[in-house]
Amino acid sequence: TGHFQLPHPQNVTLLSKDFDMILTWTPGEGSPPDVTYTVRYESQERMGKWIKVPHCKNIHRNSCNLTCVLPNFFVKVRARVKAVSGRLQSPWVESQFKEYHLDVDLAPPVLNVNVKENLILVNASFPLATCVESFSWMYDLNLWEAGSEDKKQYEGIFRKNIVTIDTIALRGNYCLSARSSFQSIDFKHSEFSQPVCVLLNHKG
C-alpha cells in the first residue's frame, strides 16, 4: 500500500460519443501538476485480463479513445485508469460496462449541399473512425420550405450515396437537415443536424 499516495481519478466514465467509445475522468482533488494517467480495458469475453492501451500510457489529458482498440464491437467492455506521478500512483478506478454496437451514441452528419441548375445534390459525411466504417450507417434527410412544417422525408439512405432532388417545381428558400441512423437490436438515430438553407430558382 506504500505507493498508493496519489488521489485517484474521479468521475471515471466510459462514454459513447459521436460514433466513438471514450473513457473520460477528472483529476483527483489535490493531484500534483505533473500527474499522468494510464488506461487499460477488459472485455466480457476475457474477464480478469486487463489489456494495455499503448496510446493511453502516461498521458496528460483526461480522456482516452478506445474505439479502434476494441477487438469486438459486439461484446461489453469496461476500462480503468490510474494516476501516476514520479514513483507514486493511485489505485485503479473502473468504469461501467458498455458495448459499442448497442450503446454507441450517434452524432448528426455534416451535410454537403450542391445546388445545380434544376437539382440539389446532397450527401452526408460522418466523423467515423476507420475501424467502424464497415457498419451499416445510414442517414435520413428532410427537405422543407423555410417557415413550413411540411417536410419531405428521404429515409434510410446509405451513407456514401448522394440524394438528387429535382427543384424545377420549387421556388423560394428551402432547408435541408439530416440525422444519422443505425440498425442494431433496435433502431438508433441521432438528433437532426442544423438546417442548411438554399434559395431556389431565384430569378434576377
N, C-alpha and C. Protein backbone atom coordinates (compact mmCIF):
# COMPACT_ATOMS: atom_id res chain seq x y z
N THR A 1 0.82 -1.21 0.00
CA THR A 1 0.00 0.00 0.00
C THR A 1 0.86 1.26 0.00
N GLY A 2 2.16 1.11 0.20
CA GLY A 2 3.01 2.28 0.36
C GLY A 2 2.97 3.25 -0.80
N HIS A 3 2.84 2.72 -2.05
CA HIS A 3 2.90 3.64 -3.19
C HIS A 3 1.54 4.20 -3.57
N PHE A 4 0.46 3.82 -2.89
CA PHE A 4 -0.85 4.41 -3.19
C PHE A 4 -0.97 5.74 -2.47
N GLN A 5 -0.23 6.74 -2.96
CA GLN A 5 -0.23 8.01 -2.25
C GLN A 5 -0.78 9.15 -3.10
N LEU A 6 -1.31 8.81 -4.27
CA LEU A 6 -1.88 9.86 -5.13
C LEU A 6 -3.40 9.77 -5.06
N PRO A 7 -4.09 10.93 -5.14
CA PRO A 7 -5.55 10.89 -5.23
C PRO A 7 -5.97 10.15 -6.51
N HIS A 8 -6.97 9.31 -6.39
CA HIS A 8 -7.37 8.55 -7.59
C HIS A 8 -8.26 9.41 -8.49
N PRO A 9 -8.27 9.10 -9.81
CA PRO A 9 -9.13 9.84 -10.75
C PRO A 9 -10.60 9.73 -10.33
N GLN A 10 -11.36 10.80 -10.60
CA GLN A 10 -12.78 10.87 -10.24
C GLN A 10 -13.63 10.78 -11.51
N ASN A 11 -14.92 10.51 -11.30
CA ASN A 11 -15.92 10.56 -12.41
C ASN A 11 -15.46 9.73 -13.62
N VAL A 12 -14.97 8.54 -13.36
CA VAL A 12 -14.47 7.69 -14.47
C VAL A 12 -15.67 7.12 -15.22
N THR A 13 -15.78 7.49 -16.50
CA THR A 13 -16.98 7.16 -17.28
C THR A 13 -16.57 6.67 -18.66
N LEU A 14 -17.16 5.56 -19.08
CA LEU A 14 -16.99 5.10 -20.46
C LEU A 14 -18.15 5.70 -21.25
N LEU A 15 -17.81 6.63 -22.14
CA LEU A 15 -18.81 7.40 -22.88
C LEU A 15 -18.87 6.91 -24.30
N SER A 16 -20.08 6.78 -24.78
CA SER A 16 -20.24 6.51 -26.19
C SER A 16 -20.65 7.83 -26.82
N LYS A 17 -19.75 8.43 -27.58
CA LYS A 17 -19.98 9.80 -28.02
C LYS A 17 -19.66 9.94 -29.50
N ASP A 18 -20.63 10.40 -30.28
CA ASP A 18 -20.39 10.72 -31.69
C ASP A 18 -19.65 9.61 -32.43
N PHE A 19 -20.20 8.40 -32.37
CA PHE A 19 -19.66 7.23 -33.07
C PHE A 19 -18.42 6.63 -32.40
N ASP A 20 -17.95 7.20 -31.30
CA ASP A 20 -16.74 6.70 -30.65
C ASP A 20 -17.03 6.19 -29.24
N MET A 21 -16.11 5.40 -28.71
CA MET A 21 -16.17 4.93 -27.32
C MET A 21 -14.97 5.54 -26.60
N ILE A 22 -15.23 6.39 -25.62
CA ILE A 22 -14.16 7.18 -24.99
C ILE A 22 -14.26 7.06 -23.47
N LEU A 23 -13.12 6.81 -22.83
CA LEU A 23 -13.06 6.85 -21.37
C LEU A 23 -12.69 8.26 -20.94
N THR A 24 -13.45 8.82 -20.02
CA THR A 24 -13.15 10.17 -19.51
C THR A 24 -13.06 10.12 -17.99
N TRP A 25 -12.35 11.08 -17.42
CA TRP A 25 -12.22 11.19 -15.96
C TRP A 25 -11.81 12.60 -15.61
N THR A 26 -11.85 12.92 -14.32
CA THR A 26 -11.34 14.22 -13.84
C THR A 26 -10.25 13.92 -12.81
N PRO A 27 -9.29 14.83 -12.67
CA PRO A 27 -8.19 14.59 -11.71
C PRO A 27 -8.73 14.51 -10.28
N GLY A 28 -8.11 13.64 -9.49
CA GLY A 28 -8.45 13.58 -8.08
C GLY A 28 -8.09 14.90 -7.39
N GLU A 29 -8.84 15.25 -6.37
CA GLU A 29 -8.60 16.51 -5.68
C GLU A 29 -7.19 16.50 -5.07
N GLY A 30 -6.44 17.58 -5.31
CA GLY A 30 -5.08 17.66 -4.76
C GLY A 30 -4.04 16.94 -5.60
N SER A 31 -4.37 16.60 -6.86
CA SER A 31 -3.38 15.95 -7.74
C SER A 31 -2.25 16.92 -8.06
N PRO A 32 -1.01 16.44 -8.13
CA PRO A 32 0.10 17.32 -8.50
C PRO A 32 0.00 17.72 -9.97
N PRO A 33 0.65 18.85 -10.36
CA PRO A 33 0.51 19.34 -11.74
C PRO A 33 1.13 18.39 -12.77
N ASP A 34 2.11 17.57 -12.36
CA ASP A 34 2.78 16.71 -13.37
C ASP A 34 2.12 15.33 -13.46
N VAL A 35 0.91 15.17 -12.93
CA VAL A 35 0.31 13.84 -12.90
C VAL A 35 0.00 13.36 -14.32
N THR A 36 0.21 12.06 -14.56
CA THR A 36 -0.16 11.44 -15.84
C THR A 36 -1.09 10.27 -15.54
N TYR A 37 -1.70 9.74 -16.62
CA TYR A 37 -2.70 8.68 -16.45
C TYR A 37 -2.40 7.52 -17.37
N THR A 38 -2.74 6.33 -16.91
CA THR A 38 -2.58 5.12 -17.71
C THR A 38 -3.91 4.36 -17.69
N VAL A 39 -4.30 3.87 -18.88
CA VAL A 39 -5.61 3.23 -19.05
C VAL A 39 -5.43 1.78 -19.49
N ARG A 40 -6.30 0.92 -19.00
CA ARG A 40 -6.40 -0.46 -19.51
C ARG A 40 -7.88 -0.78 -19.68
N TYR A 41 -8.16 -1.85 -20.45
CA TYR A 41 -9.56 -2.24 -20.60
C TYR A 41 -9.69 -3.75 -20.45
N GLU A 42 -10.93 -4.18 -20.20
CA GLU A 42 -11.24 -5.60 -20.02
C GLU A 42 -12.52 -5.88 -20.80
N SER A 43 -12.56 -7.02 -21.50
CA SER A 43 -13.78 -7.36 -22.23
C SER A 43 -14.46 -8.53 -21.53
N GLN A 44 -15.77 -8.62 -21.70
CA GLN A 44 -16.51 -9.71 -21.04
C GLN A 44 -16.15 -11.07 -21.63
N GLU A 45 -15.48 -11.10 -22.79
CA GLU A 45 -15.01 -12.38 -23.32
C GLU A 45 -13.87 -12.93 -22.47
N ARG A 46 -13.06 -12.01 -21.89
CA ARG A 46 -11.89 -12.45 -21.12
C ARG A 46 -11.83 -11.68 -19.82
N MET A 47 -12.75 -12.02 -18.93
CA MET A 47 -12.82 -11.31 -17.65
C MET A 47 -11.54 -11.54 -16.85
N GLY A 48 -11.09 -10.50 -16.17
CA GLY A 48 -9.89 -10.63 -15.35
C GLY A 48 -8.61 -10.35 -16.09
N LYS A 49 -8.68 -10.22 -17.44
CA LYS A 49 -7.47 -9.88 -18.20
C LYS A 49 -7.56 -8.42 -18.62
N TRP A 50 -6.78 -7.57 -17.97
CA TRP A 50 -6.77 -6.13 -18.28
C TRP A 50 -5.72 -5.86 -19.34
N ILE A 51 -6.13 -5.30 -20.45
CA ILE A 51 -5.26 -5.15 -21.62
C ILE A 51 -4.76 -3.71 -21.69
N LYS A 52 -3.47 -3.57 -21.97
CA LYS A 52 -2.86 -2.24 -22.05
C LYS A 52 -3.36 -1.50 -23.29
N VAL A 53 -3.39 -0.19 -23.19
CA VAL A 53 -3.78 0.67 -24.33
C VAL A 53 -2.55 1.53 -24.62
N PRO A 54 -1.74 1.17 -25.65
CA PRO A 54 -0.45 1.83 -25.84
C PRO A 54 -0.55 3.35 -25.97
N HIS A 55 -1.59 3.87 -26.63
CA HIS A 55 -1.65 5.33 -26.82
C HIS A 55 -2.22 6.05 -25.60
N CYS A 56 -2.55 5.30 -24.54
CA CYS A 56 -3.05 5.93 -23.31
C CYS A 56 -2.21 5.48 -22.11
N LYS A 57 -0.91 5.56 -22.29
CA LYS A 57 0.01 5.26 -21.20
C LYS A 57 0.76 6.54 -20.85
N ASN A 58 0.74 6.93 -19.57
CA ASN A 58 1.41 8.16 -19.11
C ASN A 58 0.99 9.39 -19.92
N ILE A 59 -0.32 9.53 -20.09
CA ILE A 59 -0.83 10.68 -20.86
C ILE A 59 -1.23 11.80 -19.88
N HIS A 60 -1.20 13.04 -20.37
CA HIS A 60 -1.58 14.19 -19.53
C HIS A 60 -3.06 14.52 -19.66
N ARG A 61 -3.68 14.13 -20.78
CA ARG A 61 -5.09 14.50 -20.97
C ARG A 61 -6.01 13.63 -20.11
N ASN A 62 -7.28 14.01 -20.03
CA ASN A 62 -8.24 13.32 -19.17
C ASN A 62 -9.24 12.49 -19.98
N SER A 63 -8.77 11.94 -21.10
CA SER A 63 -9.65 11.06 -21.87
C SER A 63 -8.79 10.12 -22.71
N CYS A 64 -9.41 9.01 -23.11
CA CYS A 64 -8.71 8.01 -23.93
C CYS A 64 -9.73 7.43 -24.89
N ASN A 65 -9.46 7.54 -26.20
CA ASN A 65 -10.37 7.00 -27.21
C ASN A 65 -10.06 5.51 -27.40
N LEU A 66 -11.05 4.67 -27.07
CA LEU A 66 -10.85 3.22 -27.12
C LEU A 66 -11.45 2.58 -28.37
N THR A 67 -12.07 3.39 -29.24
CA THR A 67 -12.87 2.81 -30.33
C THR A 67 -12.11 1.75 -31.11
N CYS A 68 -11.00 2.10 -31.70
CA CYS A 68 -10.31 1.16 -32.59
C CYS A 68 -9.41 0.18 -31.82
N VAL A 69 -9.41 0.28 -30.50
CA VAL A 69 -8.68 -0.67 -29.66
C VAL A 69 -9.54 -1.90 -29.41
N LEU A 70 -10.86 -1.71 -29.43
CA LEU A 70 -11.77 -2.80 -29.05
C LEU A 70 -11.67 -3.94 -30.06
N PRO A 71 -11.44 -5.17 -29.58
CA PRO A 71 -11.30 -6.29 -30.51
C PRO A 71 -12.64 -6.74 -31.08
N ASN A 72 -13.72 -6.45 -30.34
CA ASN A 72 -15.03 -6.94 -30.76
C ASN A 72 -16.07 -5.90 -30.36
N PHE A 73 -16.79 -5.38 -31.36
CA PHE A 73 -17.76 -4.32 -31.10
C PHE A 73 -19.07 -4.86 -30.54
N PHE A 74 -19.18 -6.19 -30.44
CA PHE A 74 -20.44 -6.80 -30.01
C PHE A 74 -20.31 -7.42 -28.61
N VAL A 75 -19.27 -7.06 -27.89
CA VAL A 75 -19.04 -7.58 -26.54
C VAL A 75 -18.88 -6.38 -25.60
N LYS A 76 -19.44 -6.50 -24.42
CA LYS A 76 -19.30 -5.40 -23.45
C LYS A 76 -17.86 -5.30 -22.95
N VAL A 77 -17.41 -4.06 -22.81
CA VAL A 77 -16.07 -3.81 -22.25
C VAL A 77 -16.19 -2.76 -21.15
N ARG A 78 -15.19 -2.73 -20.29
CA ARG A 78 -15.06 -1.62 -19.35
C ARG A 78 -13.59 -1.23 -19.33
N ALA A 79 -13.30 -0.07 -18.78
CA ALA A 79 -11.93 0.41 -18.74
C ALA A 79 -11.61 0.87 -17.34
N ARG A 80 -10.31 1.04 -17.08
CA ARG A 80 -9.89 1.56 -15.78
C ARG A 80 -8.72 2.50 -15.99
N VAL A 81 -8.53 3.39 -15.04
CA VAL A 81 -7.48 4.40 -15.17
C VAL A 81 -6.84 4.61 -13.80
N LYS A 82 -5.53 4.87 -13.80
CA LYS A 82 -4.85 5.24 -12.56
C LYS A 82 -4.00 6.48 -12.82
N ALA A 83 -3.74 7.22 -11.75
CA ALA A 83 -2.88 8.41 -11.82
C ALA A 83 -1.47 8.00 -11.41
N VAL A 84 -0.46 8.61 -12.07
CA VAL A 84 0.94 8.33 -11.77
C VAL A 84 1.69 9.66 -11.68
N SER A 85 2.58 9.77 -10.70
CA SER A 85 3.44 10.95 -10.60
C SER A 85 4.75 10.50 -9.98
N GLY A 86 5.81 10.53 -10.80
CA GLY A 86 7.10 10.02 -10.31
C GLY A 86 6.95 8.57 -9.90
N ARG A 87 7.30 8.25 -8.64
CA ARG A 87 7.18 6.86 -8.18
C ARG A 87 5.85 6.61 -7.47
N LEU A 88 5.02 7.62 -7.42
CA LEU A 88 3.73 7.47 -6.75
C LEU A 88 2.65 7.10 -7.76
N GLN A 89 1.65 6.36 -7.29
CA GLN A 89 0.49 6.12 -8.14
C GLN A 89 -0.75 5.98 -7.29
N SER A 90 -1.89 6.09 -7.97
CA SER A 90 -3.17 5.95 -7.27
C SER A 90 -3.69 4.54 -7.49
N PRO A 91 -4.71 4.13 -6.75
CA PRO A 91 -5.41 2.89 -7.11
C PRO A 91 -6.08 3.04 -8.49
N TRP A 92 -6.34 1.90 -9.13
CA TRP A 92 -7.12 1.90 -10.37
C TRP A 92 -8.57 2.26 -10.05
N VAL A 93 -9.22 2.97 -10.97
CA VAL A 93 -10.66 3.23 -10.84
C VAL A 93 -11.33 2.73 -12.12
N GLU A 94 -12.39 1.94 -11.96
CA GLU A 94 -13.03 1.28 -13.11
C GLU A 94 -14.30 2.01 -13.55
N SER A 95 -14.56 1.90 -14.84
CA SER A 95 -15.82 2.43 -15.40
C SER A 95 -16.88 1.33 -15.35
N GLN A 96 -18.07 1.67 -15.82
CA GLN A 96 -19.12 0.67 -16.01
C GLN A 96 -18.88 -0.04 -17.35
N PHE A 97 -19.62 -1.12 -17.61
CA PHE A 97 -19.51 -1.84 -18.89
C PHE A 97 -20.35 -1.15 -19.97
N LYS A 98 -19.82 -1.16 -21.18
CA LYS A 98 -20.57 -0.63 -22.34
C LYS A 98 -20.28 -1.53 -23.54
N GLU A 99 -21.22 -1.58 -24.45
CA GLU A 99 -20.97 -2.28 -25.71
C GLU A 99 -21.11 -1.29 -26.86
N TYR A 100 -20.10 -1.25 -27.70
CA TYR A 100 -20.09 -0.26 -28.78
C TYR A 100 -21.36 -0.37 -29.64
N HIS A 101 -21.63 -1.57 -30.12
CA HIS A 101 -22.71 -1.75 -31.11
C HIS A 101 -24.07 -1.33 -30.56
N LEU A 102 -24.32 -1.66 -29.29
CA LEU A 102 -25.63 -1.32 -28.71
C LEU A 102 -25.68 0.08 -28.13
N ASP A 103 -24.55 0.53 -27.57
CA ASP A 103 -24.56 1.76 -26.79
C ASP A 103 -24.04 2.98 -27.54
N VAL A 104 -23.54 2.77 -28.76
CA VAL A 104 -22.92 3.90 -29.46
C VAL A 104 -23.92 5.04 -29.63
N ASP A 105 -23.39 6.23 -29.44
CA ASP A 105 -24.19 7.44 -29.47
C ASP A 105 -23.87 8.16 -30.78
N LEU A 106 -24.87 8.36 -31.61
CA LEU A 106 -24.62 8.89 -32.95
C LEU A 106 -24.59 10.42 -32.95
N ALA A 107 -23.71 10.97 -33.76
CA ALA A 107 -23.69 12.41 -34.00
C ALA A 107 -24.48 12.69 -35.27
N PRO A 108 -25.06 13.89 -35.39
CA PRO A 108 -25.69 14.22 -36.68
C PRO A 108 -24.61 14.27 -37.76
N PRO A 109 -24.96 13.91 -38.99
CA PRO A 109 -23.98 14.01 -40.07
C PRO A 109 -23.77 15.47 -40.47
N VAL A 110 -22.70 15.70 -41.20
CA VAL A 110 -22.45 17.02 -41.79
C VAL A 110 -22.97 16.96 -43.22
N LEU A 111 -23.82 17.89 -43.58
CA LEU A 111 -24.41 17.86 -44.93
C LEU A 111 -23.56 18.65 -45.92
N ASN A 112 -23.33 18.04 -47.08
CA ASN A 112 -22.69 18.74 -48.20
C ASN A 112 -23.79 18.96 -49.24
N VAL A 113 -24.11 20.22 -49.49
CA VAL A 113 -25.23 20.56 -50.38
C VAL A 113 -24.68 21.30 -51.59
N ASN A 114 -25.00 20.78 -52.76
CA ASN A 114 -24.50 21.37 -54.01
C ASN A 114 -25.71 21.71 -54.89
N VAL A 115 -25.92 23.00 -55.17
CA VAL A 115 -27.08 23.41 -55.97
C VAL A 115 -26.66 23.55 -57.42
N LYS A 116 -27.28 22.73 -58.29
CA LYS A 116 -27.07 22.86 -59.75
C LYS A 116 -28.29 23.57 -60.33
N GLU A 117 -28.38 23.63 -61.67
CA GLU A 117 -29.44 24.44 -62.27
C GLU A 117 -30.84 24.03 -61.80
N ASN A 118 -31.22 22.76 -62.00
CA ASN A 118 -32.55 22.33 -61.55
C ASN A 118 -32.47 21.19 -60.55
N LEU A 119 -31.34 21.10 -59.86
CA LEU A 119 -31.12 19.98 -58.95
C LEU A 119 -30.43 20.44 -57.67
N ILE A 120 -30.70 19.71 -56.59
CA ILE A 120 -29.84 19.81 -55.41
C ILE A 120 -29.21 18.44 -55.22
N LEU A 121 -27.89 18.41 -55.07
CA LEU A 121 -27.20 17.16 -54.77
C LEU A 121 -26.77 17.22 -53.30
N VAL A 122 -27.17 16.21 -52.55
CA VAL A 122 -26.88 16.21 -51.11
C VAL A 122 -26.17 14.93 -50.74
N ASN A 123 -25.09 15.04 -49.99
CA ASN A 123 -24.59 13.85 -49.33
C ASN A 123 -24.15 14.20 -47.93
N ALA A 124 -24.03 13.17 -47.11
CA ALA A 124 -23.76 13.38 -45.70
C ALA A 124 -22.40 12.77 -45.38
N SER A 125 -21.61 13.47 -44.56
CA SER A 125 -20.37 12.86 -44.11
C SER A 125 -20.43 12.66 -42.60
N PHE A 126 -19.78 11.60 -42.16
CA PHE A 126 -19.83 11.18 -40.76
C PHE A 126 -18.43 11.22 -40.17
N PRO A 127 -18.30 11.60 -38.91
CA PRO A 127 -16.98 11.59 -38.28
C PRO A 127 -16.59 10.19 -37.82
N LEU A 128 -16.42 9.25 -38.77
CA LEU A 128 -16.23 7.85 -38.40
C LEU A 128 -14.77 7.47 -38.25
N ALA A 129 -14.47 6.69 -37.23
CA ALA A 129 -13.16 6.07 -37.13
C ALA A 129 -13.08 4.96 -38.19
N THR A 130 -11.90 4.76 -38.77
CA THR A 130 -11.77 3.80 -39.88
C THR A 130 -12.22 2.40 -39.48
N CYS A 131 -12.02 2.03 -38.21
CA CYS A 131 -12.34 0.66 -37.81
C CYS A 131 -13.85 0.39 -37.77
N VAL A 132 -14.68 1.42 -37.80
CA VAL A 132 -16.13 1.18 -37.77
C VAL A 132 -16.81 1.60 -39.07
N GLU A 133 -15.99 1.86 -40.09
CA GLU A 133 -16.58 2.30 -41.37
C GLU A 133 -17.45 1.23 -41.99
N SER A 134 -17.19 -0.04 -41.68
CA SER A 134 -17.94 -1.11 -42.35
C SER A 134 -19.35 -1.27 -41.79
N PHE A 135 -19.66 -0.64 -40.65
CA PHE A 135 -21.02 -0.74 -40.12
C PHE A 135 -22.00 -0.06 -41.08
N SER A 136 -23.26 -0.49 -41.00
CA SER A 136 -24.23 0.00 -41.98
C SER A 136 -24.86 1.32 -41.53
N TRP A 137 -24.03 2.35 -41.40
CA TRP A 137 -24.57 3.68 -41.07
C TRP A 137 -25.45 4.15 -42.22
N MET A 138 -26.54 4.79 -41.89
CA MET A 138 -27.43 5.36 -42.90
C MET A 138 -27.73 6.80 -42.49
N TYR A 139 -28.45 7.50 -43.33
CA TYR A 139 -28.97 8.79 -42.88
C TYR A 139 -30.35 9.05 -43.44
N ASP A 140 -31.12 9.84 -42.71
CA ASP A 140 -32.45 10.28 -43.13
C ASP A 140 -32.34 11.78 -43.41
N LEU A 141 -33.00 12.20 -44.48
CA LEU A 141 -32.89 13.60 -44.91
C LEU A 141 -34.28 14.22 -44.96
N ASN A 142 -34.39 15.44 -44.48
CA ASN A 142 -35.66 16.20 -44.59
C ASN A 142 -35.43 17.43 -45.47
N LEU A 143 -36.43 17.73 -46.27
CA LEU A 143 -36.42 18.94 -47.11
C LEU A 143 -37.74 19.68 -46.86
N TRP A 144 -37.66 20.97 -46.62
CA TRP A 144 -38.90 21.74 -46.42
C TRP A 144 -38.70 23.19 -46.83
N GLU A 145 -39.80 23.85 -47.12
CA GLU A 145 -39.74 25.28 -47.42
C GLU A 145 -39.62 26.02 -46.09
N ALA A 146 -38.71 26.98 -46.03
CA ALA A 146 -38.48 27.73 -44.79
C ALA A 146 -39.81 28.28 -44.28
N GLY A 147 -40.08 28.09 -43.01
CA GLY A 147 -41.32 28.58 -42.41
C GLY A 147 -42.45 27.58 -42.45
N SER A 148 -42.28 26.50 -43.23
CA SER A 148 -43.35 25.49 -43.34
C SER A 148 -43.05 24.32 -42.40
N GLU A 149 -44.12 23.66 -41.96
CA GLU A 149 -43.94 22.46 -41.13
C GLU A 149 -43.96 21.20 -41.99
N ASP A 150 -44.24 21.36 -43.25
CA ASP A 150 -44.46 20.22 -44.15
C ASP A 150 -43.12 19.73 -44.70
N LYS A 151 -42.61 18.61 -44.20
CA LYS A 151 -41.28 18.15 -44.58
C LYS A 151 -41.36 16.94 -45.50
N LYS A 152 -40.59 16.99 -46.58
CA LYS A 152 -40.46 15.80 -47.44
C LYS A 152 -39.32 14.98 -46.86
N GLN A 153 -39.58 13.67 -46.66
CA GLN A 153 -38.58 12.83 -46.00
C GLN A 153 -37.98 11.82 -46.97
N TYR A 154 -36.68 11.70 -46.88
CA TYR A 154 -35.93 10.68 -47.62
C TYR A 154 -35.27 9.81 -46.56
N GLU A 155 -35.67 8.54 -46.46
CA GLU A 155 -35.23 7.75 -45.31
C GLU A 155 -34.31 6.60 -45.70
N GLY A 156 -33.40 6.26 -44.79
CA GLY A 156 -32.55 5.07 -44.96
C GLY A 156 -31.62 5.15 -46.15
N ILE A 157 -30.95 6.29 -46.31
CA ILE A 157 -30.02 6.45 -47.43
C ILE A 157 -28.65 5.92 -47.00
N PHE A 158 -28.07 5.05 -47.78
CA PHE A 158 -26.74 4.55 -47.43
C PHE A 158 -25.77 5.72 -47.37
N ARG A 159 -24.85 5.70 -46.42
CA ARG A 159 -24.13 6.92 -46.11
C ARG A 159 -23.28 7.46 -47.25
N LYS A 160 -22.85 6.59 -48.19
CA LYS A 160 -22.00 7.11 -49.27
C LYS A 160 -22.84 7.56 -50.48
N ASN A 161 -24.14 7.39 -50.38
CA ASN A 161 -24.98 7.72 -51.54
C ASN A 161 -25.38 9.19 -51.54
N ILE A 162 -25.44 9.73 -52.76
CA ILE A 162 -25.86 11.12 -52.95
C ILE A 162 -27.36 11.14 -53.25
N VAL A 163 -28.07 12.06 -52.63
CA VAL A 163 -29.50 12.23 -52.92
C VAL A 163 -29.64 13.35 -53.94
N THR A 164 -30.34 13.06 -55.02
CA THR A 164 -30.57 14.07 -56.06
C THR A 164 -32.02 14.52 -55.98
N ILE A 165 -32.23 15.82 -55.77
CA ILE A 165 -33.58 16.36 -55.62
C ILE A 165 -33.86 17.29 -56.80
N ASP A 166 -34.95 17.00 -57.50
CA ASP A 166 -35.34 17.83 -58.65
C ASP A 166 -36.00 19.11 -58.11
N THR A 167 -35.50 20.26 -58.52
CA THR A 167 -36.01 21.52 -57.95
C THR A 167 -36.80 22.37 -58.95
N ILE A 168 -37.13 21.76 -60.09
CA ILE A 168 -37.82 22.58 -61.11
C ILE A 168 -39.10 23.19 -60.54
N ALA A 169 -39.84 22.42 -59.74
CA ALA A 169 -41.13 22.91 -59.22
C ALA A 169 -40.97 23.72 -57.93
N LEU A 170 -39.75 23.86 -57.46
CA LEU A 170 -39.56 24.54 -56.17
C LEU A 170 -39.07 25.96 -56.38
N ARG A 171 -39.63 26.88 -55.61
CA ARG A 171 -39.18 28.26 -55.71
C ARG A 171 -39.18 28.85 -54.31
N GLY A 172 -38.09 29.51 -53.95
CA GLY A 172 -38.03 30.14 -52.63
C GLY A 172 -36.89 29.57 -51.79
N ASN A 173 -37.01 29.75 -50.49
CA ASN A 173 -35.96 29.37 -49.57
C ASN A 173 -36.27 27.98 -49.01
N TYR A 174 -35.41 27.01 -49.32
CA TYR A 174 -35.64 25.62 -48.87
C TYR A 174 -34.51 25.18 -47.95
N CYS A 175 -34.89 24.38 -46.96
CA CYS A 175 -33.91 23.95 -45.96
C CYS A 175 -33.79 22.44 -45.94
N LEU A 176 -32.59 21.97 -45.59
CA LEU A 176 -32.29 20.54 -45.51
C LEU A 176 -31.67 20.25 -44.16
N SER A 177 -32.02 19.09 -43.62
CA SER A 177 -31.43 18.67 -42.36
C SER A 177 -31.39 17.15 -42.37
N ALA A 178 -30.42 16.56 -41.68
CA ALA A 178 -30.30 15.10 -41.72
C ALA A 178 -29.96 14.56 -40.34
N ARG A 179 -30.24 13.29 -40.16
CA ARG A 179 -29.81 12.61 -38.93
C ARG A 179 -29.15 11.28 -39.31
N SER A 180 -28.23 10.84 -38.49
CA SER A 180 -27.60 9.54 -38.68
C SER A 180 -28.55 8.48 -38.15
N SER A 181 -28.53 7.32 -38.78
CA SER A 181 -29.32 6.22 -38.24
C SER A 181 -28.52 4.93 -38.38
N PHE A 182 -28.87 3.96 -37.56
CA PHE A 182 -28.05 2.76 -37.46
C PHE A 182 -28.93 1.66 -36.89
N GLN A 183 -28.91 0.50 -37.54
CA GLN A 183 -29.74 -0.61 -37.09
C GLN A 183 -28.89 -1.53 -36.22
N SER A 184 -29.16 -1.53 -34.90
CA SER A 184 -28.57 -2.58 -34.07
C SER A 184 -29.75 -3.43 -33.64
N ILE A 185 -29.84 -3.84 -32.38
CA ILE A 185 -31.01 -4.63 -31.99
C ILE A 185 -32.26 -3.77 -32.12
N ASP A 186 -32.13 -2.53 -31.72
CA ASP A 186 -33.22 -1.60 -32.00
C ASP A 186 -32.66 -0.55 -32.96
N PHE A 187 -33.54 0.32 -33.43
CA PHE A 187 -33.14 1.31 -34.41
C PHE A 187 -32.66 2.55 -33.67
N LYS A 188 -31.48 3.03 -34.00
CA LYS A 188 -30.96 4.20 -33.29
C LYS A 188 -30.83 5.36 -34.26
N HIS A 189 -31.02 6.56 -33.77
CA HIS A 189 -30.67 7.70 -34.61
C HIS A 189 -30.23 8.88 -33.78
N SER A 190 -29.55 9.80 -34.46
CA SER A 190 -29.02 11.00 -33.80
C SER A 190 -30.10 12.08 -33.81
N GLU A 191 -29.76 13.21 -33.24
CA GLU A 191 -30.55 14.43 -33.46
C GLU A 191 -30.41 14.82 -34.94
N PHE A 192 -31.32 15.68 -35.40
CA PHE A 192 -31.16 16.22 -36.76
C PHE A 192 -30.08 17.30 -36.75
N SER A 193 -29.38 17.41 -37.86
CA SER A 193 -28.32 18.41 -37.99
C SER A 193 -28.93 19.82 -38.09
N GLN A 194 -28.10 20.82 -37.87
CA GLN A 194 -28.54 22.21 -38.08
C GLN A 194 -28.96 22.35 -39.54
N PRO A 195 -30.08 23.04 -39.81
CA PRO A 195 -30.54 23.15 -41.20
C PRO A 195 -29.56 23.93 -42.09
N VAL A 196 -29.48 23.48 -43.33
CA VAL A 196 -28.73 24.22 -44.36
C VAL A 196 -29.80 24.71 -45.33
N CYS A 197 -29.86 26.04 -45.57
CA CYS A 197 -30.94 26.59 -46.40
C CYS A 197 -30.37 27.16 -47.70
N VAL A 198 -31.11 26.96 -48.79
CA VAL A 198 -30.66 27.44 -50.11
C VAL A 198 -31.83 28.13 -50.81
N LEU A 199 -31.49 29.12 -51.63
CA LEU A 199 -32.51 29.85 -52.39
C LEU A 199 -32.62 29.18 -53.76
N LEU A 200 -33.85 28.77 -54.13
CA LEU A 200 -34.01 28.00 -55.37
C LEU A 200 -34.75 28.81 -56.44
N ASN A 201 -34.32 28.59 -57.67
CA ASN A 201 -34.96 29.19 -58.85
C ASN A 201 -35.20 30.67 -58.65
N HIS A 202 -34.18 31.31 -58.16
CA HIS A 202 -34.30 32.75 -57.83
C HIS A 202 -33.99 33.55 -59.10
N LYS A 203 -35.00 34.19 -59.61
CA LYS A 203 -34.78 34.97 -60.84
C LYS A 203 -34.26 36.35 -60.48
N GLY A 204 -33.27 36.82 -61.25
CA GLY A 204 -32.81 38.20 -61.07
C GLY A 204 -31.83 38.30 -59.95
